[in-house]
Amino acid sequence: MYKDSTYRDKFIQLRVWMPAIADAVKKELRNELSGAGSDFTKRHFSSKNLSKLTAEELGEGFLSAIEKEDHGEAIGEFIANSWLLKNTDVYDFFEKELKKISANVEEIETLESSKAKEMSEAAVAEFGAKKSYLFSVMNSVVFPKEIFESLEKRAHQDVKDQETQKVQKEEALTLEKVRVNAETRWLALKTNMKKSWRVLKRNICKIQQA
């Protein structure tokens, strides 16, 4: 599906994932920006503080450059290679699996559905759906269309699940803090009550002895 696609086409497909991609290679992107020149930064990062760009801003700006610059294809290749260098374990996995099918991986046009499904499931089990999907698009894995669609859907679901888990964890931590604070206040109250009771007993004794 993506074997003959340009990097421009690939990153347009990965538009919603650009913040995640940019976050993974933000050091490389910031280094690239430092030598890009003022005209480039004005076109794609207008009125933004370059030293404080978020992953979202980096992703949006570089996607704009990929789409609009004459050398946009080279920018896309640079970003893809930077991301792939940080994910060589995924590369090694797919290279090993594809070489089981053909020693010359470049000759494979499209994997048959059953083999593609088996390979994609193994990748998801080892690396997660998001990383498997991003790699498959950027590196033009020869999956049929339905496998890419399935991976994309699962990648989005994984992100939603992670966000839900994050919220649940934060809620659990908040509840634990509330419990600890309540317990601390109750212990302090009990201590004060004991002190007050001892003082009261001493006063009663003094009154009785008077």
C-alpha atoms as a PDB file:
ATOM      1  CA  MET A   1       0.000   0.000   0.000  1.00  0.00           C
ATOM      2  CA  TYR A   2       2.848   2.420   0.825  1.00  0.00           C
ATOM      3  CA  LYS A   3       5.641   0.758  -1.151  1.00  0.00           C
ATOM      4  CA  ASP A   4       5.677   3.434  -3.854  1.00  0.00           C
ATOM      5  CA  SER A   5       4.475   6.291  -1.652  1.00  0.00           C
ATOM      6  CA  THR A   6       6.548   9.421  -1.143  1.00  0.00           C
ATOM      7  CA  TYR A   7       7.495  10.606   2.333  1.00  0.00           C
ATOM      8  CA  ARG A   8       5.147  13.528   1.757  1.00  0.00           C
ATOM      9  CA  ASP A   9       2.274  11.075   1.207  1.00  0.00           C
ATOM     10  CA  LYS A  10       3.256   9.037   4.241  1.00  0.00           C
ATOM     11  CA  PHE A  11       3.371  11.991   6.606  1.00  0.00           C
ATOM     12  CA  ILE A  12       0.090  13.369   5.316  1.00  0.00           C
ATOM     13  CA  GLN A  13      -1.379   9.968   6.211  1.00  0.00           C
ATOM     14  CA  LEU A  14       0.297  10.216   9.618  1.00  0.00           C
ATOM     15  CA  ARG A  15      -0.890  13.794  10.209  1.00  0.00           C
ATOM     16  CA  VAL A  16      -2.622  13.081  13.546  1.00  0.00           C
ATOM     17  CA  TRP A  17       0.468  11.213  14.749  1.00  0.00           C
ATOM     18  CA  MET A  18       2.915  14.044  14.056  1.00  0.00           C
ATOM     19  CA  PRO A  19       3.016  15.248  17.688  1.00  0.00           C
ATOM     20  CA  ALA A  20       3.974  11.735  18.833  1.00  0.00           C
ATOM     21  CA  ILE A  21       6.588  11.397  16.085  1.00  0.00           C
ATOM     22  CA  ALA A  22       7.977  14.871  16.804  1.00  0.00           C
ATOM     23  CA  ASP A  23       8.141  14.121  20.525  1.00  0.00           C
ATOM     24  CA  ALA A  24      10.244  11.018  19.830  1.00  0.00           C
ATOM     25  CA  VAL A  25      12.788  12.987  17.757  1.00  0.00           C
ATOM     26  CA  LYS A  26      12.458  16.488  19.229  1.00  0.00           C
ATOM     27  CA  LYS A  27      16.207  16.837  19.809  1.00  0.00           C
ATOM     28  CA  GLU A  28      16.900  16.113  16.134  1.00  0.00           C
ATOM     29  CA  LEU A  29      14.157  18.483  14.990  1.00  0.00           C
ATOM     30  CA  ARG A  30      15.399  21.312  17.202  1.00  0.00           C
ATOM     31  CA  ASN A  31      18.928  20.816  15.839  1.00  0.00           C
ATOM     32  CA  GLU A  32      17.508  20.938  12.323  1.00  0.00           C
ATOM     33  CA  LEU A  33      15.673  24.175  13.131  1.00  0.00           C
ATOM     34  CA  SER A  34      18.798  25.829  14.496  1.00  0.00           C
ATOM     35  CA  GLY A  35      20.350  25.764  11.028  1.00  0.00           C
ATOM     36  CA  ALA A  36      17.207  26.162   8.944  1.00  0.00           C
ATOM     37  CA  GLY A  37      17.325  29.935   8.552  1.00  0.00           C
ATOM     38  CA  SER A  38      14.891  32.655   9.510  1.00  0.00           C
ATOM     39  CA  ASP A  39      12.785  32.441   6.335  1.00  0.00           C
ATOM     40  CA  PHE A  40      12.028  28.770   6.983  1.00  0.00           C
ATOM     41  CA  THR A  41      11.130  29.331  10.628  1.00  0.00           C
ATOM     42  CA  LYS A  42       8.927  32.316   9.763  1.00  0.00           C
ATOM     43  CA  ARG A  43       7.005  30.258   7.211  1.00  0.00           C
ATOM     44  CA  HIS A  44       6.343  27.295   9.485  1.00  0.00           C
ATOM     45  CA  PHE A  45       6.841  28.506  13.085  1.00  0.00           C
ATOM     46  CA  SER A  46       5.672  32.106  12.826  1.00  0.00           C
ATOM     47  CA  SER A  47       5.720  34.133  16.055  1.00  0.00           C
ATOM     48  CA  LYS A  48       6.718  31.090  18.152  1.00  0.00           C
ATOM     49  CA  ASN A  49       9.601  30.841  20.600  1.00  0.00           C
ATOM     50  CA  LEU A  50      11.760  28.173  18.941  1.00  0.00           C
ATOM     51  CA  SER A  51      13.428  27.132  22.196  1.00  0.00           C
ATOM     52  CA  LYS A  52      10.052  26.380  23.787  1.00  0.00           C
ATOM     53  CA  LEU A  53       8.214  24.627  20.968  1.00  0.00           C
ATOM     54  CA  THR A  54       5.935  21.808  22.133  1.00  0.00           C
ATOM     55  CA  ALA A  55       5.728  18.432  20.400  1.00  0.00           C
ATOM     56  CA  GLU A  56       2.427  19.569  18.867  1.00  0.00           C
ATOM     57  CA  GLU A  57       4.020  22.749  17.476  1.00  0.00           C
ATOM     58  CA  LEU A  58       7.058  20.883  16.167  1.00  0.00           C
ATOM     59  CA  GLY A  59       4.838  18.302  14.496  1.00  0.00           C
ATOM     60  CA  GLU A  60       2.558  20.909  12.949  1.00  0.00           C
ATOM     61  CA  GLY A  61       5.435  23.045  11.701  1.00  0.00           C
ATOM     62  CA  PHE A  62       7.450  20.236  10.157  1.00  0.00           C
ATOM     63  CA  LEU A  63       4.370  18.725   8.530  1.00  0.00           C
ATOM     64  CA  SER A  64       3.754  22.129   6.969  1.00  0.00           C
ATOM     65  CA  ALA A  65       7.346  22.116   5.701  1.00  0.00           C
ATOM     66  CA  ILE A  66       6.996  18.588   4.279  1.00  0.00           C
ATOM     67  CA  GLU A  67       3.861  19.628   2.408  1.00  0.00           C
ATOM     68  CA  LYS A  68       4.969  23.055   1.153  1.00  0.00           C
ATOM     69  CA  GLU A  69       8.747  23.211   0.829  1.00  0.00           C
ATOM     70  CA  ASP A  70      10.490  22.228  -2.424  1.00  0.00           C
ATOM     71  CA  HIS A  71      12.738  19.973  -0.337  1.00  0.00           C
ATOM     72  CA  GLY A  72       9.785  18.667   1.684  1.00  0.00           C
ATOM     73  CA  GLU A  73      10.541  15.095   0.596  1.00  0.00           C
ATOM     74  CA  ALA A  74      14.039  15.342   2.077  1.00  0.00           C
ATOM     75  CA  ILE A  75      12.600  16.731   5.330  1.00  0.00           C
ATOM     76  CA  GLY A  76      10.184  13.814   5.514  1.00  0.00           C
ATOM     77  CA  GLU A  77      12.996  11.335   4.891  1.00  0.00           C
ATOM     78  CA  PHE A  78      15.091  12.977   7.611  1.00  0.00           C
ATOM     79  CA  ILE A  79      12.264  12.723  10.170  1.00  0.00           C
ATOM     80  CA  ALA A  80      11.467   9.121   9.214  1.00  0.00           C
ATOM     81  CA  ASN A  81      15.134   8.080   9.448  1.00  0.00           C
ATOM     82  CA  SER A  82      15.530   9.865  12.798  1.00  0.00           C
ATOM     83  CA  TRP A  83      12.501   8.011  14.159  1.00  0.00           C
ATOM     84  CA  LEU A  84      13.661   4.678  12.721  1.00  0.00           C
ATOM     85  CA  LEU A  85      17.101   5.064  14.315  1.00  0.00           C
ATOM     86  CA  LYS A  86      15.377   5.232  17.692  1.00  0.00           C
ATOM     87  CA  ASN A  87      13.352   2.124  16.906  1.00  0.00           C
ATOM     88  CA  THR A  88      15.903  -0.274  15.446  1.00  0.00           C
ATOM     89  CA  ASP A  89      14.341  -3.126  17.417  1.00  0.00           C
ATOM     90  CA  VAL A  90      11.185  -2.777  15.314  1.00  0.00           C
ATOM     91  CA  TYR A  91      13.276  -2.638  12.135  1.00  0.00           C
ATOM     92  CA  ASP A  92      15.149  -5.795  13.129  1.00  0.00           C
ATOM     93  CA  PHE A  93      11.880  -7.592  13.850  1.00  0.00           C
ATOM     94  CA  PHE A  94      10.338  -6.830  10.466  1.00  0.00           C
ATOM     95  CA  GLU A  95      13.562  -7.516   8.583  1.00  0.00           C
ATOM     96  CA  LYS A  96      13.826 -10.940  10.229  1.00  0.00           C
ATOM     97  CA  GLU A  97      10.179 -11.794   9.528  1.00  0.00           C
ATOM     98  CA  LEU A  98      10.259 -10.597   5.920  1.00  0.00           C
ATOM     99  CA  LYS A  99      13.472 -12.490   5.181  1.00  0.00           C
ATOM    100  CA  LYS A 100      11.641 -15.686   6.152  1.00  0.00           C
ATOM    101  CA  ILE A 101       9.473 -15.030   3.105  1.00  0.00           C
ATOM    102  CA  SER A 102      12.171 -13.836   0.703  1.00  0.00           C
ATOM    103  CA  ALA A 103      15.900 -13.271   1.055  1.00  0.00           C
ATOM    104  CA  ASN A 104      15.441 -10.198  -1.141  1.00  0.00           C
ATOM    105  CA  VAL A 105      12.918  -8.185   0.849  1.00  0.00           C
ATOM    106  CA  GLU A 106      12.695  -5.494  -1.841  1.00  0.00           C
ATOM    107  CA  GLU A 107      11.177  -7.995  -4.257  1.00  0.00           C
ATOM    108  CA  ILE A 108       8.117  -8.595  -2.073  1.00  0.00           C
ATOM    109  CA  GLU A 109       5.188  -6.660  -3.512  1.00  0.00           C
ATOM    110  CA  THR A 110       2.421  -7.437  -1.007  1.00  0.00           C
ATOM    111  CA  LEU A 111       2.097  -9.991   1.763  1.00  0.00           C
ATOM    112  CA  GLU A 112      -0.841 -12.334   1.547  1.00  0.00           C
ATOM    113  CA  SER A 113      -3.506 -11.548   4.135  1.00  0.00           C
ATOM    114  CA  SER A 114      -2.937 -14.521   6.435  1.00  0.00           C
ATOM    115  CA  LYS A 115       0.831 -13.946   6.659  1.00  0.00           C
ATOM    116  CA  ALA A 116       0.366 -10.193   7.012  1.00  0.00           C
ATOM    117  CA  LYS A 117      -2.098 -10.670   9.853  1.00  0.00           C
ATOM    118  CA  GLU A 118       0.228 -13.101  11.618  1.00  0.00           C
ATOM    119  CA  MET A 119       3.165 -10.686  11.293  1.00  0.00           C
ATOM    120  CA  SER A 120       1.187  -7.631  12.396  1.00  0.00           C
ATOM    121  CA  GLU A 121      -0.196  -9.480  15.432  1.00  0.00           C
ATOM    122  CA  ALA A 122       3.312 -10.516  16.458  1.00  0.00           C
ATOM    123  CA  ALA A 123       4.538  -6.919  16.054  1.00  0.00           C
ATOM    124  CA  VAL A 124       1.669  -5.524  18.125  1.00  0.00           C
ATOM    125  CA  ALA A 125       2.298  -8.093  20.853  1.00  0.00           C
ATOM    126  CA  GLU A 126       5.950  -7.055  21.052  1.00  0.00           C
ATOM    127  CA  PHE A 127       5.900  -3.306  20.355  1.00  0.00           C
ATOM    128  CA  GLY A 128       2.284  -2.173  20.692  1.00  0.00           C
ATOM    129  CA  ALA A 129      -0.108  -1.095  17.952  1.00  0.00           C
ATOM    130  CA  LYS A 130       1.017   2.547  17.707  1.00  0.00           C
ATOM    131  CA  LYS A 131       4.705   1.849  17.183  1.00  0.00           C
ATOM    132  CA  SER A 132       3.930  -1.036  14.805  1.00  0.00           C
ATOM    133  CA  TYR A 133       1.620   1.169  12.735  1.00  0.00           C
ATOM    134  CA  LEU A 134       4.015   4.130  12.558  1.00  0.00           C
ATOM    135  CA  PHE A 135       6.885   1.902  11.526  1.00  0.00           C
ATOM    136  CA  SER A 136       4.804   0.091   8.916  1.00  0.00           C
ATOM    137  CA  VAL A 137       3.810   3.358   7.227  1.00  0.00           C
ATOM    138  CA  MET A 138       7.170   5.121   7.450  1.00  0.00           C
ATOM    139  CA  ASN A 139       9.146   2.075   6.315  1.00  0.00           C
ATOM    140  CA  SER A 140       6.614   0.947   3.681  1.00  0.00           C
ATOM    141  CA  VAL A 141       5.967  -2.518   5.069  1.00  0.00           C
ATOM    142  CA  VAL A 142       4.177  -4.464   2.328  1.00  0.00           C
ATOM    143  CA  PHE A 143       0.957  -5.087   4.242  1.00  0.00           C
ATOM    144  CA  PRO A 144      -2.350  -5.130   2.360  1.00  0.00           C
ATOM    145  CA  LYS A 145      -4.767  -2.228   2.918  1.00  0.00           C
ATOM    146  CA  GLU A 146      -6.943  -4.039   5.474  1.00  0.00           C
ATOM    147  CA  ILE A 147      -3.951  -4.699   7.754  1.00  0.00           C
ATOM    148  CA  PHE A 148      -2.956  -1.013   7.726  1.00  0.00           C
ATOM    149  CA  GLU A 149      -6.540  -0.055   8.528  1.00  0.00           C
ATOM    150  CA  SER A 150      -6.653  -2.556  11.378  1.00  0.00           C
ATOM    151  CA  LEU A 151      -3.311  -1.367  12.783  1.00  0.00           C
ATOM    152  CA  GLU A 152      -4.400   2.268  12.592  1.00  0.00           C
ATOM    153  CA  LYS A 153      -7.645   1.521  14.402  1.00  0.00           C
ATOM    154  CA  ARG A 154      -5.834  -0.428  17.113  1.00  0.00           C
ATOM    155  CA  ALA A 155      -3.226   2.307  17.478  1.00  0.00           C
ATOM    156  CA  HIS A 156      -5.935   4.899  18.141  1.00  0.00           C
ATOM    157  CA  GLN A 157      -7.601   2.534  20.619  1.00  0.00           C
ATOM    158  CA  ASP A 158      -4.294   1.953  22.422  1.00  0.00           C
ATOM    159  CA  VAL A 159      -3.845   5.711  22.856  1.00  0.00           C
ATOM    160  CA  LYS A 160      -7.391   6.035  24.227  1.00  0.00           C
ATOM    161  CA  ASP A 161      -6.789   3.142  26.620  1.00  0.00           C
ATOM    162  CA  GLN A 162      -3.526   4.697  27.815  1.00  0.00           C
ATOM    163  CA  GLU A 163      -5.243   8.034  28.388  1.00  0.00           C
ATOM    164  CA  THR A 164      -8.027   6.296  30.338  1.00  0.00           C
ATOM    165  CA  GLN A 165      -5.459   4.444  32.445  1.00  0.00           C
ATOM    166  CA  LYS A 166      -3.602   7.700  33.087  1.00  0.00           C
ATOM    167  CA  VAL A 167      -6.809   9.404  34.270  1.00  0.00           C
ATOM    168  CA  GLN A 168      -7.687   6.428  36.467  1.00  0.00           C
ATOM    169  CA  LYS A 169      -4.187   6.429  37.966  1.00  0.00           C
ATOM    170  CA  GLU A 170      -4.371  10.169  38.667  1.00  0.00           C
ATOM    171  CA  GLU A 171      -7.804   9.735  40.268  1.00  0.00           C
ATOM    172  CA  ALA A 172      -6.491   6.874  42.401  1.00  0.00           C
ATOM    173  CA  LEU A 173      -3.534   9.009  43.529  1.00  0.00           C
ATOM    174  CA  THR A 174      -5.889  11.885  44.361  1.00  0.00           C
ATOM    175  CA  LEU A 175      -8.109   9.588  46.408  1.00  0.00           C
ATOM    176  CA  GLU A 176      -5.065   8.196  48.208  1.00  0.00           C
ATOM    177  CA  LYS A 177      -3.895  11.720  49.061  1.00  0.00           C
ATOM    178  CA  VAL A 178      -7.367  12.558  50.381  1.00  0.00           C
ATOM    179  CA  ARG A 179      -7.349   9.366  52.489  1.00  0.00           C
ATOM    180  CA  VAL A 180      -3.873  10.073  53.878  1.00  0.00           C
ATOM    181  CA  ASN A 181      -4.768  13.701  54.666  1.00  0.00           C
ATOM    182  CA  ALA A 182      -8.000  12.647  56.371  1.00  0.00           C
ATOM    183  CA  GLU A 183      -6.149  10.007  58.376  1.00  0.00           C
ATOM    184  CA  THR A 184      -3.466  12.507  59.371  1.00  0.00           C
ATOM    185  CA  ARG A 185      -6.087  15.033  60.505  1.00  0.00           C
ATOM    186  CA  TRP A 186      -7.945  12.338  62.461  1.00  0.00           C
ATOM    187  CA  LEU A 187      -4.759  11.224  64.230  1.00  0.00           C
ATOM    188  CA  ALA A 188      -3.951  14.851  65.084  1.00  0.00           C
ATOM    189  CA  LEU A 189      -7.489  15.327  66.381  1.00  0.00           C
ATOM    190  CA  LYS A 190      -7.232  12.171  68.530  1.00  0.00           C
ATOM    191  CA  THR A 191      -3.914  13.358  69.937  1.00  0.00           C
ATOM    192  CA  ASN A 192      -5.372  16.771  70.791  1.00  0.00           C
ATOM    193  CA  MET A 193      -8.430  15.151  72.360  1.00  0.00           C
ATOM    194  CA  LYS A 194      -6.206  12.986  74.567  1.00  0.00           C
ATOM    195  CA  LYS A 195      -4.197  16.014  75.655  1.00  0.00           C
ATOM    196  CA  SER A 196      -7.388  17.959  76.375  1.00  0.00           C
ATOM    197  CA  TRP A 197      -8.786  15.025  78.355  1.00  0.00           C
ATOM    198  CA  ARG A 198      -5.624  14.785  80.473  1.00  0.00           C
ATOM    199  CA  VAL A 199      -5.754  18.521  81.190  1.00  0.00           C
ATOM    200  CA  LEU A 200      -9.446  18.235  82.057  1.00  0.00           C
ATOM    201  CA  LYS A 201      -8.785  15.321  84.426  1.00  0.00           C
ATOM    202  CA  ARG A 202      -6.042  17.287  86.189  1.00  0.00           C
ATOM    203  CA  ASN A 203      -8.363  20.271  86.585  1.00  0.00           C
ATOM    204  CA  ILE A 204     -11.122  18.059  87.986  1.00  0.00           C
ATOM    205  CA  CYS A 205      -8.679  16.537  90.469  1.00  0.00           C
ATOM    206  CA  LYS A 206      -7.570  19.986  91.608  1.00  0.00           C
ATOM    207  CA  ILE A 207     -11.187  21.079  92.094  1.00  0.00           C
ATOM    208  CA  GLN A 208     -11.955  17.936  94.098  1.00  0.00           C
ATOM    209  CA  GLN A 209      -8.885  18.438  96.304  1.00  0.00           C
ATOM    210  CA  ALA A 210      -9.718  22.119  96.996  1.00  0.00           C
END
